Amino acid sequence: MYAVIKTGGKQYRVQEGDELRIEKLAAAEGEKVTFDEVLLVGAGKEIKVGDEASGARVEAVVTGGGRGKKVVIFKKRRRKHYKLTKGHRQDYTAVRIEKISV
């Protein structure tokens, strides 16, 4: 069984036992998190989308968190003596999918 969940402005296809990094959540390590915004649930050839999947829930456990790799932003205008370098590291929360219920 798999599901498509929406969190942090992104959509993820998940199965039980999957570990993934999502946008930072206000949850401590070891805490259970429930995703109520399930867009699709599928098992074999049976797929539920939209209103059919509205009662579905995905439960996960927070396994950690941190900051991702640094992304370097470099801007330059040729012949104008303009250079700008910035960096960004995105915070994330690592979760393990425990249960998908319909």
PDB file of N, CA and C in Angstrom:
ATOM      1  N   MET A   1       0.846  -1.174   0.000  1.00  0.00           N
ATOM      2  CA  MET A   1       0.000   0.000   0.000  1.00  0.00           C
ATOM      3  C   MET A   1       0.893   1.240   0.000  1.00  0.00           C
ATOM      4  N   TYR A   2       0.497   2.242  -0.767  1.00  0.00           N
ATOM      5  CA  TYR A   2       1.241   3.486  -0.827  1.00  0.00           C
ATOM      6  C   TYR A   2       0.272   4.655  -0.760  1.00  0.00           C
ATOM      7  N   ALA A   3       0.814   5.835  -0.496  1.00  0.00           N
ATOM      8  CA  ALA A   3       0.000   7.043  -0.412  1.00  0.00           C
ATOM      9  C   ALA A   3       0.810   8.217  -0.909  1.00  0.00           C
ATOM     10  N   VAL A   4       0.113   9.257  -1.315  1.00  0.00           N
ATOM     11  CA  VAL A   4       0.741  10.521  -1.680  1.00  0.00           C
ATOM     12  C   VAL A   4       0.267  11.542  -0.662  1.00  0.00           C
ATOM     13  N   ILE A   5       1.241  12.113   0.076  1.00  0.00           N
ATOM     14  CA  ILE A   5       0.906  13.097   1.109  1.00  0.00           C
ATOM     15  C   ILE A   5       1.436  14.454   0.704  1.00  0.00           C
ATOM     16  N   LYS A   6       0.843  15.493   1.274  1.00  0.00           N
ATOM     17  CA  LYS A   6       1.279  16.859   1.012  1.00  0.00           C
ATOM     18  C   LYS A   6       1.704  17.484   2.332  1.00  0.00           C
ATOM     19  N   THR A   7       2.936  17.971   2.391  1.00  0.00           N
ATOM     20  CA  THR A   7       3.440  18.653   3.572  1.00  0.00           C
ATOM     21  C   THR A   7       4.542  19.618   3.153  1.00  0.00           C
ATOM     22  N   GLY A   8       4.531  20.788   3.743  1.00  0.00           N
ATOM     23  CA  GLY A   8       5.565  21.775   3.434  1.00  0.00           C
ATOM     24  C   GLY A   8       5.529  22.278   2.009  1.00  0.00           C
ATOM     25  N   GLY A   9       4.356  22.247   1.370  1.00  0.00           N
ATOM     26  CA  GLY A   9       4.244  22.723  -0.001  1.00  0.00           C
ATOM     27  C   GLY A   9       4.735  21.734  -1.044  1.00  0.00           C
ATOM     28  N   LYS A  10       5.066  20.520  -0.624  1.00  0.00           N
ATOM     29  CA  LYS A  10       5.555  19.494  -1.543  1.00  0.00           C
ATOM     30  C   LYS A  10       4.718  18.232  -1.388  1.00  0.00           C
ATOM     31  N   GLN A  11       4.778  17.366  -2.401  1.00  0.00           N
ATOM     32  CA  GLN A  11       4.054  16.101  -2.361  1.00  0.00           C
ATOM     33  C   GLN A  11       5.063  14.956  -2.368  1.00  0.00           C
ATOM     34  N   TYR A  12       4.781  13.923  -1.559  1.00  0.00           N
ATOM     35  CA  TYR A  12       5.675  12.786  -1.435  1.00  0.00           C
ATOM     36  C   TYR A  12       4.884  11.500  -1.604  1.00  0.00           C
ATOM     37  N   ARG A  13       5.449  10.540  -2.343  1.00  0.00           N
ATOM     38  CA  ARG A  13       4.863   9.199  -2.457  1.00  0.00           C
ATOM     39  C   ARG A  13       5.553   8.347  -1.399  1.00  0.00           C
ATOM     40  N   VAL A  14       4.771   7.792  -0.473  1.00  0.00           N
ATOM     41  CA  VAL A  14       5.345   7.069   0.663  1.00  0.00           C
ATOM     42  C   VAL A  14       4.726   5.681   0.794  1.00  0.00           C
ATOM     43  N   GLN A  15       5.501   4.774   1.378  1.00  0.00           N
ATOM     44  CA  GLN A  15       5.055   3.439   1.744  1.00  0.00           C
ATOM     45  C   GLN A  15       5.452   3.210   3.194  1.00  0.00           C
ATOM     46  N   GLU A  16       4.882   2.196   3.819  1.00  0.00           N
ATOM     47  CA  GLU A  16       5.248   1.878   5.190  1.00  0.00           C
ATOM     48  C   GLU A  16       6.717   1.471   5.239  1.00  0.00           C
ATOM     49  N   GLY A  17       7.454   2.034   6.188  1.00  0.00           N
ATOM     50  CA  GLY A  17       8.873   1.748   6.334  1.00  0.00           C
ATOM     51  C   GLY A  17       9.785   2.738   5.635  1.00  0.00           C
ATOM     52  N   ASP A  18       9.232   3.616   4.807  1.00  0.00           N
ATOM     53  CA  ASP A  18      10.050   4.617   4.111  1.00  0.00           C
ATOM     54  C   ASP A  18      10.597   5.650   5.084  1.00  0.00           C
ATOM     55  N   GLU A  19      11.815   6.123   4.811  1.00  0.00           N
ATOM     56  CA  GLU A  19      12.396   7.224   5.564  1.00  0.00           C
ATOM     57  C   GLU A  19      12.635   8.362   4.586  1.00  0.00           C
ATOM     58  N   LEU A  20      12.187   9.561   4.954  1.00  0.00           N
ATOM     59  CA  LEU A  20      12.355  10.693   4.063  1.00  0.00           C
ATOM     60  C   LEU A  20      12.597  11.971   4.845  1.00  0.00           C
ATOM     61  N   ARG A  21      13.142  12.945   4.147  1.00  0.00           N
ATOM     62  CA  ARG A  21      13.388  14.271   4.708  1.00  0.00           C
ATOM     63  C   ARG A  21      12.323  15.217   4.185  1.00  0.00           C
ATOM     64  N   ILE A  22      11.636  15.872   5.118  1.00  0.00           N
ATOM     65  CA  ILE A  22      10.588  16.813   4.746  1.00  0.00           C
ATOM     66  C   ILE A  22      10.918  18.172   5.337  1.00  0.00           C
ATOM     67  N   GLU A  23      10.136  19.182   4.978  1.00  0.00           N
ATOM     68  CA  GLU A  23      10.330  20.508   5.538  1.00  0.00           C
ATOM     69  C   GLU A  23      10.205  20.451   7.051  1.00  0.00           C
ATOM     70  N   LYS A  24      10.891  21.343   7.729  1.00  0.00           N
ATOM     71  CA  LYS A  24      10.980  21.314   9.188  1.00  0.00           C
ATOM     72  C   LYS A  24       9.607  21.362   9.852  1.00  0.00           C
ATOM     73  N   LEU A  25       9.403  20.441  10.811  1.00  0.00           N
ATOM     74  CA  LEU A  25       8.186  20.387  11.610  1.00  0.00           C
ATOM     75  C   LEU A  25       8.527  20.731  13.059  1.00  0.00           C
ATOM     76  N   ALA A  26       7.547  21.225  13.790  1.00  0.00           N
ATOM     77  CA  ALA A  26       7.730  21.534  15.211  1.00  0.00           C
ATOM     78  C   ALA A  26       7.450  20.275  16.018  1.00  0.00           C
ATOM     79  N   ALA A  27       8.320  19.281  15.901  1.00  0.00           N
ATOM     80  CA  ALA A  27       8.163  18.016  16.617  1.00  0.00           C
ATOM     81  C   ALA A  27       9.535  17.536  17.062  1.00  0.00           C
ATOM     82  N   ALA A  28       9.595  16.956  18.259  1.00  0.00           N
ATOM     83  CA  ALA A  28      10.850  16.460  18.804  1.00  0.00           C
ATOM     84  C   ALA A  28      11.149  15.061  18.265  1.00  0.00           C
ATOM     85  N   GLU A  29      12.397  14.637  18.411  1.00  0.00           N
ATOM     86  CA  GLU A  29      12.801  13.314  17.955  1.00  0.00           C
ATOM     87  C   GLU A  29      12.080  12.245  18.766  1.00  0.00           C
ATOM     88  N   GLY A  30      11.535  11.240  18.082  1.00  0.00           N
ATOM     89  CA  GLY A  30      10.793  10.174  18.729  1.00  0.00           C
ATOM     90  C   GLY A  30       9.298  10.442  18.819  1.00  0.00           C
ATOM     91  N   GLU A  31       8.883  11.642  18.501  1.00  0.00           N
ATOM     92  CA  GLU A  31       7.473  12.016  18.584  1.00  0.00           C
ATOM     93  C   GLU A  31       6.719  11.514  17.347  1.00  0.00           C
ATOM     94  N   LYS A  32       5.433  11.154  17.536  1.00  0.00           N
ATOM     95  CA  LYS A  32       4.611  10.692  16.411  1.00  0.00           C
ATOM     96  C   LYS A  32       3.959  11.877  15.728  1.00  0.00           C
ATOM     97  N   VAL A  33       3.899  11.811  14.396  1.00  0.00           N
ATOM     98  CA  VAL A  33       3.314  12.865  13.573  1.00  0.00           C
ATOM     99  C   VAL A  33       2.269  12.219  12.671  1.00  0.00           C
ATOM    100  N   THR A  34       1.143  12.897  12.486  1.00  0.00           N
ATOM    101  CA  THR A  34       0.088  12.387  11.613  1.00  0.00           C
ATOM    102  C   THR A  34      -0.114  13.358  10.454  1.00  0.00           C
ATOM    103  N   PHE A  35      -0.127  12.816   9.246  1.00  0.00           N
ATOM    104  CA  PHE A  35      -0.385  13.608   8.052  1.00  0.00           C
ATOM    105  C   PHE A  35      -1.830  13.341   7.623  1.00  0.00           C
ATOM    106  N   ASP A  36      -2.679  14.359   7.760  1.00  0.00           N
ATOM    107  CA  ASP A  36      -4.088  14.210   7.401  1.00  0.00           C
ATOM    108  C   ASP A  36      -4.356  14.592   5.954  1.00  0.00           C
ATOM    109  N   GLU A  37      -3.443  15.329   5.347  1.00  0.00           N
ATOM    110  CA  GLU A  37      -3.640  15.767   3.970  1.00  0.00           C
ATOM    111  C   GLU A  37      -3.096  14.708   3.009  1.00  0.00           C
ATOM    112  N   VAL A  38      -3.907  13.662   2.809  1.00  0.00           N
ATOM    113  CA  VAL A  38      -3.550  12.552   1.922  1.00  0.00           C
ATOM    114  C   VAL A  38      -4.279  12.768   0.603  1.00  0.00           C
ATOM    115  N   LEU A  39      -3.540  12.809  -0.489  1.00  0.00           N
ATOM    116  CA  LEU A  39      -4.113  13.091  -1.801  1.00  0.00           C
ATOM    117  C   LEU A  39      -4.521  11.825  -2.555  1.00  0.00           C
ATOM    118  N   LEU A  40      -3.814  10.716  -2.300  1.00  0.00           N
ATOM    119  CA  LEU A  40      -4.055   9.490  -3.044  1.00  0.00           C
ATOM    120  C   LEU A  40      -3.654   8.307  -2.182  1.00  0.00           C
ATOM    121  N   VAL A  41      -4.421   7.228  -2.267  1.00  0.00           N
ATOM    122  CA  VAL A  41      -4.076   5.974  -1.589  1.00  0.00           C
ATOM    123  C   VAL A  41      -4.233   4.870  -2.613  1.00  0.00           C
ATOM    124  N   GLY A  42      -3.220   4.013  -2.717  1.00  0.00           N
ATOM    125  CA  GLY A  42      -3.276   2.931  -3.687  1.00  0.00           C
ATOM    126  C   GLY A  42      -2.799   1.623  -3.099  1.00  0.00           C
ATOM    127  N   ALA A  43      -3.458   0.549  -3.521  1.00  0.00           N
ATOM    128  CA  ALA A  43      -3.065  -0.808  -3.133  1.00  0.00           C
ATOM    129  C   ALA A  43      -3.323  -1.700  -4.331  1.00  0.00           C
ATOM    130  N   GLY A  44      -2.271  -2.083  -5.025  1.00  0.00           N
ATOM    131  CA  GLY A  44      -2.435  -2.899  -6.225  1.00  0.00           C
ATOM    132  C   GLY A  44      -3.091  -2.087  -7.333  1.00  0.00           C
ATOM    133  N   LYS A  45      -4.217  -2.591  -7.859  1.00  0.00           N
ATOM    134  CA  LYS A  45      -4.926  -1.876  -8.913  1.00  0.00           C
ATOM    135  C   LYS A  45      -6.004  -0.956  -8.376  1.00  0.00           C
ATOM    136  N   GLU A  46      -6.239  -1.004  -7.066  1.00  0.00           N
ATOM    137  CA  GLU A  46      -7.258  -0.166  -6.446  1.00  0.00           C
ATOM    138  C   GLU A  46      -6.635   1.163  -6.010  1.00  0.00           C
ATOM    139  N   ILE A  47      -7.154   2.254  -6.541  1.00  0.00           N
ATOM    140  CA  ILE A  47      -6.628   3.586  -6.233  1.00  0.00           C
ATOM    141  C   ILE A  47      -7.777   4.480  -5.794  1.00  0.00           C
ATOM    142  N   LYS A  48      -7.555   5.201  -4.711  1.00  0.00           N
ATOM    143  CA  LYS A  48      -8.540   6.162  -4.222  1.00  0.00           C
ATOM    144  C   LYS A  48      -7.918   7.551  -4.298  1.00  0.00           C
ATOM    145  N   VAL A  49      -8.643   8.463  -4.952  1.00  0.00           N
ATOM    146  CA  VAL A  49      -8.125   9.809  -5.183  1.00  0.00           C
ATOM    147  C   VAL A  49      -9.158  10.823  -4.713  1.00  0.00           C
ATOM    148  N   GLY A  50      -8.693  11.961  -4.234  1.00  0.00           N
ATOM    149  CA  GLY A  50      -9.584  13.069  -3.900  1.00  0.00           C
ATOM    150  C   GLY A  50     -10.480  12.771  -2.715  1.00  0.00           C
ATOM    151  N   ASP A  51     -11.806  12.897  -2.910  1.00  0.00           N
ATOM    152  CA  ASP A  51     -12.775  12.693  -1.831  1.00  0.00           C
ATOM    153  C   ASP A  51     -12.774  11.255  -1.313  1.00  0.00           C
ATOM    154  N   GLU A  52     -12.455  10.299  -2.158  1.00  0.00           N
ATOM    155  CA  GLU A  52     -12.405   8.905  -1.722  1.00  0.00           C
ATOM    156  C   GLU A  52     -11.294   8.687  -0.698  1.00  0.00           C
ATOM    157  N   ALA A  53     -10.216   9.448  -0.818  1.00  0.00           N
ATOM    158  CA  ALA A  53      -9.065   9.306   0.083  1.00  0.00           C
ATOM    159  C   ALA A  53      -9.091  10.334   1.204  1.00  0.00           C
ATOM    160  N   SER A  54     -10.212  11.033   1.388  1.00  0.00           N
ATOM    161  CA  SER A  54     -10.259  12.124   2.367  1.00  0.00           C
ATOM    162  C   SER A  54     -10.142  11.635   3.804  1.00  0.00           C
ATOM    163  N   GLY A  55     -10.557  10.403   4.097  1.00  0.00           N
ATOM    164  CA  GLY A  55     -10.480   9.890   5.464  1.00  0.00           C
ATOM    165  C   GLY A  55      -9.172   9.187   5.777  1.00  0.00           C
ATOM    166  N   ALA A  56      -8.274   9.123   4.810  1.00  0.00           N
ATOM    167  CA  ALA A  56      -7.010   8.407   5.002  1.00  0.00           C
ATOM    168  C   ALA A  56      -6.053   9.222   5.874  1.00  0.00           C
ATOM    169  N   ARG A  57      -5.207   8.496   6.605  1.00  0.00           N
ATOM    170  CA  ARG A  57      -4.205   9.133   7.460  1.00  0.00           C
ATOM    171  C   ARG A  57      -2.891   8.388   7.323  1.00  0.00           C
ATOM    172  N   VAL A  58      -1.804   9.118   7.447  1.00  0.00           N
ATOM    173  CA  VAL A  58      -0.472   8.523   7.428  1.00  0.00           C
ATOM    174  C   VAL A  58       0.203   8.900   8.738  1.00  0.00           C
ATOM    175  N   GLU A  59       0.677   7.888   9.464  1.00  0.00           N
ATOM    176  CA  GLU A  59       1.343   8.112  10.734  1.00  0.00           C
ATOM    177  C   GLU A  59       2.835   7.885  10.565  1.00  0.00           C
ATOM    178  N   ALA A  60       3.632   8.758  11.186  1.00  0.00           N
ATOM    179  CA  ALA A  60       5.079   8.678  11.067  1.00  0.00           C
ATOM    180  C   ALA A  60       5.721   8.998  12.405  1.00  0.00           C
ATOM    181  N   VAL A  61       6.992   8.617  12.537  1.00  0.00           N
ATOM    182  CA  VAL A  61       7.776   8.910  13.731  1.00  0.00           C
ATOM    183  C   VAL A  61       8.964   9.756  13.309  1.00  0.00           C
ATOM    184  N   VAL A  62       9.228  10.827  14.068  1.00  0.00           N
ATOM    185  CA  VAL A  62      10.359  11.707  13.773  1.00  0.00           C
ATOM    186  C   VAL A  62      11.633  10.992  14.206  1.00  0.00           C
ATOM    187  N   THR A  63      12.580  10.830  13.266  1.00  0.00           N
ATOM    188  CA  THR A  63      13.831  10.135  13.564  1.00  0.00           C
ATOM    189  C   THR A  63      15.011  11.082  13.698  1.00  0.00           C
ATOM    190  N   GLY A  64      14.821  12.340  13.402  1.00  0.00           N
ATOM    191  CA  GLY A  64      15.920  13.295  13.527  1.00  0.00           C
ATOM    192  C   GLY A  64      15.608  14.573  12.793  1.00  0.00           C
ATOM    193  N   GLY A  65      16.629  15.359  12.624  1.00  0.00           N
ATOM    194  CA  GLY A  65      16.476  16.623  11.926  1.00  0.00           C
ATOM    195  C   GLY A  65      17.836  17.268  11.757  1.00  0.00           C
ATOM    196  N   GLY A  66      17.864  18.358  11.054  1.00  0.00           N
ATOM    197  CA  GLY A  66      19.133  19.044  10.837  1.00  0.00           C
ATOM    198  C   GLY A  66      19.013  20.054   9.723  1.00  0.00           C
ATOM    199  N   ARG A  67      20.167  20.297   9.111  1.00  0.00           N
ATOM    200  CA  ARG A  67      20.219  21.238   8.006  1.00  0.00           C
ATOM    201  C   ARG A  67      20.855  20.556   6.811  1.00  0.00           C
ATOM    202  N   GLY A  68      20.328  20.853   5.637  1.00  0.00           N
ATOM    203  CA  GLY A  68      20.819  20.241   4.410  1.00  0.00           C
ATOM    204  C   GLY A  68      22.146  20.828   3.967  1.00  0.00           C
ATOM    205  N   LYS A  69      22.588  20.403   2.803  1.00  0.00           N
ATOM    206  CA  LYS A  69      23.833  20.908   2.238  1.00  0.00           C
ATOM    207  C   LYS A  69      23.687  22.370   1.848  1.00  0.00           C
ATOM    208  N   LYS A  70      24.795  23.077   1.845  1.00  0.00           N
ATOM    209  CA  LYS A  70      24.765  24.492   1.499  1.00  0.00           C
ATOM    210  C   LYS A  70      24.582  24.671  -0.004  1.00  0.00           C
ATOM    211  N   VAL A  71      23.690  25.575  -0.348  1.00  0.00           N
ATOM    212  CA  VAL A  71      23.471  25.958  -1.736  1.00  0.00           C
ATOM    213  C   VAL A  71      24.089  27.342  -1.905  1.00  0.00           C
ATOM    214  N   VAL A  72      24.979  27.485  -2.881  1.00  0.00           N
ATOM    215  CA  VAL A  72      25.662  28.753  -3.106  1.00  0.00           C
ATOM    216  C   VAL A  72      24.934  29.529  -4.191  1.00  0.00           C
ATOM    217  N   ILE A  73      24.613  30.787  -3.877  1.00  0.00           N
ATOM    218  CA  ILE A  73      23.965  31.677  -4.839  1.00  0.00           C
ATOM    219  C   ILE A  73      25.009  32.703  -5.251  1.00  0.00           C
ATOM    220  N   PHE A  74      25.315  32.756  -6.541  1.00  0.00           N
ATOM    221  CA  PHE A  74      26.331  33.681  -7.032  1.00  0.00           C
ATOM    222  C   PHE A  74      25.733  34.509  -8.158  1.00  0.00           C
ATOM    223  N   LYS A  75      25.809  35.824  -8.007  1.00  0.00           N
ATOM    224  CA  LYS A  75      25.304  36.735  -9.028  1.00  0.00           C
ATOM    225  C   LYS A  75      26.456  37.595  -9.522  1.00  0.00           C
ATOM    226  N   LYS A  76      26.432  37.914 -10.814  1.00  0.00           N
ATOM    227  CA  LYS A  76      27.497  38.743 -11.384  1.00  0.00           C
ATOM    228  C   LYS A  76      26.969  39.496 -12.591  1.00  0.00           C
ATOM    229  N   ARG A  77      27.362  40.737 -12.691  1.00  0.00           N
ATOM    230  CA  ARG A  77      27.082  41.537 -13.880  1.00  0.00           C
ATOM    231  C   ARG A  77      28.436  41.828 -14.537  1.00  0.00           C
ATOM    232  N   ARG A  78      28.601  41.391 -15.748  1.00  0.00           N
ATOM    233  CA  ARG A  78      29.897  41.570 -16.386  1.00  0.00           C
ATOM    234  C   ARG A  78      30.172  43.044 -16.677  1.00  0.00           C
ATOM    235  N   ARG A  79      31.396  43.410 -16.482  1.00  0.00           N
ATOM    236  CA  ARG A  79      31.912  44.761 -16.737  1.00  0.00           C
ATOM    237  C   ARG A  79      31.275  45.819 -15.838  1.00  0.00           C
ATOM    238  N   LYS A  80      30.601  45.463 -14.772  1.00  0.00           N
ATOM    239  CA  LYS A  80      29.943  46.451 -13.917  1.00  0.00           C
ATOM    240  C   LYS A  80      30.495  46.433 -12.486  1.00  0.00           C
ATOM    241  N   HIS A  81      31.527  45.668 -12.219  1.00  0.00           N
ATOM    242  CA  HIS A  81      32.127  45.558 -10.883  1.00  0.00           C
ATOM    243  C   HIS A  81      31.099  45.133  -9.841  1.00  0.00           C
ATOM    244  N   TYR A  82      30.244  44.182 -10.209  1.00  0.00           N
ATOM    245  CA  TYR A  82      29.218  43.711  -9.295  1.00  0.00           C
ATOM    246  C   TYR A  82      29.322  42.199  -9.159  1.00  0.00           C
ATOM    247  N   LYS A  83      29.569  41.744  -7.941  1.00  0.00           N
ATOM    248  CA  LYS A  83      29.559  40.313  -7.627  1.00  0.00           C
ATOM    249  C   LYS A  83      28.901  40.144  -6.270  1.00  0.00           C
ATOM    250  N   LEU A  84      28.073  39.110  -6.131  1.00  0.00           N
ATOM    251  CA  LEU A  84      27.391  38.856  -4.877  1.00  0.00           C
ATOM    252  C   LEU A  84      27.364  37.344  -4.643  1.00  0.00           C
ATOM    253  N   THR A  85      27.825  36.927  -3.485  1.00  0.00           N
ATOM    254  CA  THR A  85      27.807  35.517  -3.125  1.00  0.00           C
ATOM    255  C   THR A  85      27.035  35.353  -1.825  1.00  0.00           C
ATOM    256  N   LYS A  86      26.065  34.456  -1.845  1.00  0.00           N
ATOM    257  CA  LYS A  86      25.291  34.141  -0.652  1.00  0.00           C
ATOM    258  C   LYS A  86      25.181  32.628  -0.539  1.00  0.00           C
ATOM    259  N   GLY A  87      24.845  32.178   0.646  1.00  0.00           N
ATOM    260  CA  GLY A  87      24.650  30.753   0.867  1.00  0.00           C
ATOM    261  C   GLY A  87      23.352  30.516   1.612  1.00  0.00           C
ATOM    262  N   HIS A  88      22.819  29.300   1.476  1.00  0.00           N
ATOM    263  CA  HIS A  88      21.572  28.951   2.150  1.00  0.00           C
ATOM    264  C   HIS A  88      21.604  27.481   2.523  1.00  0.00           C
ATOM    265  N   ARG A  89      21.167  27.167   3.758  1.00  0.00           N
ATOM    266  CA  ARG A  89      21.015  25.786   4.205  1.00  0.00           C
ATOM    267  C   ARG A  89      19.587  25.619   4.714  1.00  0.00           C
ATOM    268  N   GLN A  90      18.858  24.683   4.122  1.00  0.00           N
ATOM    269  CA  GLN A  90      17.459  24.475   4.468  1.00  0.00           C
ATOM    270  C   GLN A  90      17.333  23.510   5.644  1.00  0.00           C
ATOM    271  N   ASP A  91      16.501  23.848   6.627  1.00  0.00           N
ATOM    272  CA  ASP A  91      16.220  22.951   7.749  1.00  0.00           C
ATOM    273  C   ASP A  91      15.297  21.828   7.284  1.00  0.00           C
ATOM    274  N   TYR A  92      15.483  20.630   7.868  1.00  0.00           N
ATOM    275  CA  TYR A  92      14.625  19.503   7.509  1.00  0.00           C
ATOM    276  C   TYR A  92      14.316  18.677   8.752  1.00  0.00           C
ATOM    277  N   THR A  93      13.301  17.839   8.639  1.00  0.00           N
ATOM    278  CA  THR A  93      12.940  16.861   9.655  1.00  0.00           C
ATOM    279  C   THR A  93      12.923  15.498   8.976  1.00  0.00           C
ATOM    280  N   ALA A  94      13.628  14.530   9.561  1.00  0.00           N
ATOM    281  CA  ALA A  94      13.648  13.170   9.019  1.00  0.00           C
ATOM    282  C   ALA A  94      12.557  12.360   9.709  1.00  0.00           C
ATOM    283  N   VAL A  95      11.716  11.690   8.911  1.00  0.00           N
ATOM    284  CA  VAL A  95      10.615  10.886   9.459  1.00  0.00           C
ATOM    285  C   VAL A  95      10.634   9.484   8.854  1.00  0.00           C
ATOM    286  N   ARG A  96      10.085   8.524   9.610  1.00  0.00           N
ATOM    287  CA  ARG A  96       9.910   7.153   9.133  1.00  0.00           C
ATOM    288  C   ARG A  96       8.419   6.857   9.143  1.00  0.00           C
ATOM    289  N   ILE A  97       7.886   6.395   8.013  1.00  0.00           N
ATOM    290  CA  ILE A  97       6.457   6.132   7.870  1.00  0.00           C
ATOM    291  C   ILE A  97       6.151   4.811   8.588  1.00  0.00           C
ATOM    292  N   GLU A  98       5.207   4.877   9.538  1.00  0.00           N
ATOM    293  CA  GLU A  98       4.841   3.715  10.328  1.00  0.00           C
ATOM    294  C   GLU A  98       3.587   3.030   9.810  1.00  0.00           C
ATOM    295  N   LYS A  99       2.542   3.811   9.483  1.00  0.00           N
ATOM    296  CA  LYS A  99       1.256   3.195   9.168  1.00  0.00           C
ATOM    297  C   LYS A  99       0.468   4.067   8.197  1.00  0.00           C
ATOM    298  N   ILE A 100      -0.182   3.416   7.232  1.00  0.00           N
ATOM    299  CA  ILE A 100      -1.104   4.091   6.320  1.00  0.00           C
ATOM    300  C   ILE A 100      -2.472   3.470   6.550  1.00  0.00           C
ATOM    301  N   SER A 101      -3.435   4.299   6.980  1.00  0.00           N
ATOM    302  CA  SER A 101      -4.770   3.790   7.249  1.00  0.00           C
ATOM    303  C   SER A 101      -5.794   4.532   6.395  1.00  0.00           C
ATOM    304  N   VAL A 102      -6.794   3.786   5.926  1.00  0.00           N
ATOM    305  CA  VAL A 102      -7.818   4.363   5.061  1.00  0.00           C
ATOM    306  C   VAL A 102      -9.083   4.609   5.859  1.00  0.00           C
TER     307      VAL A 102
END
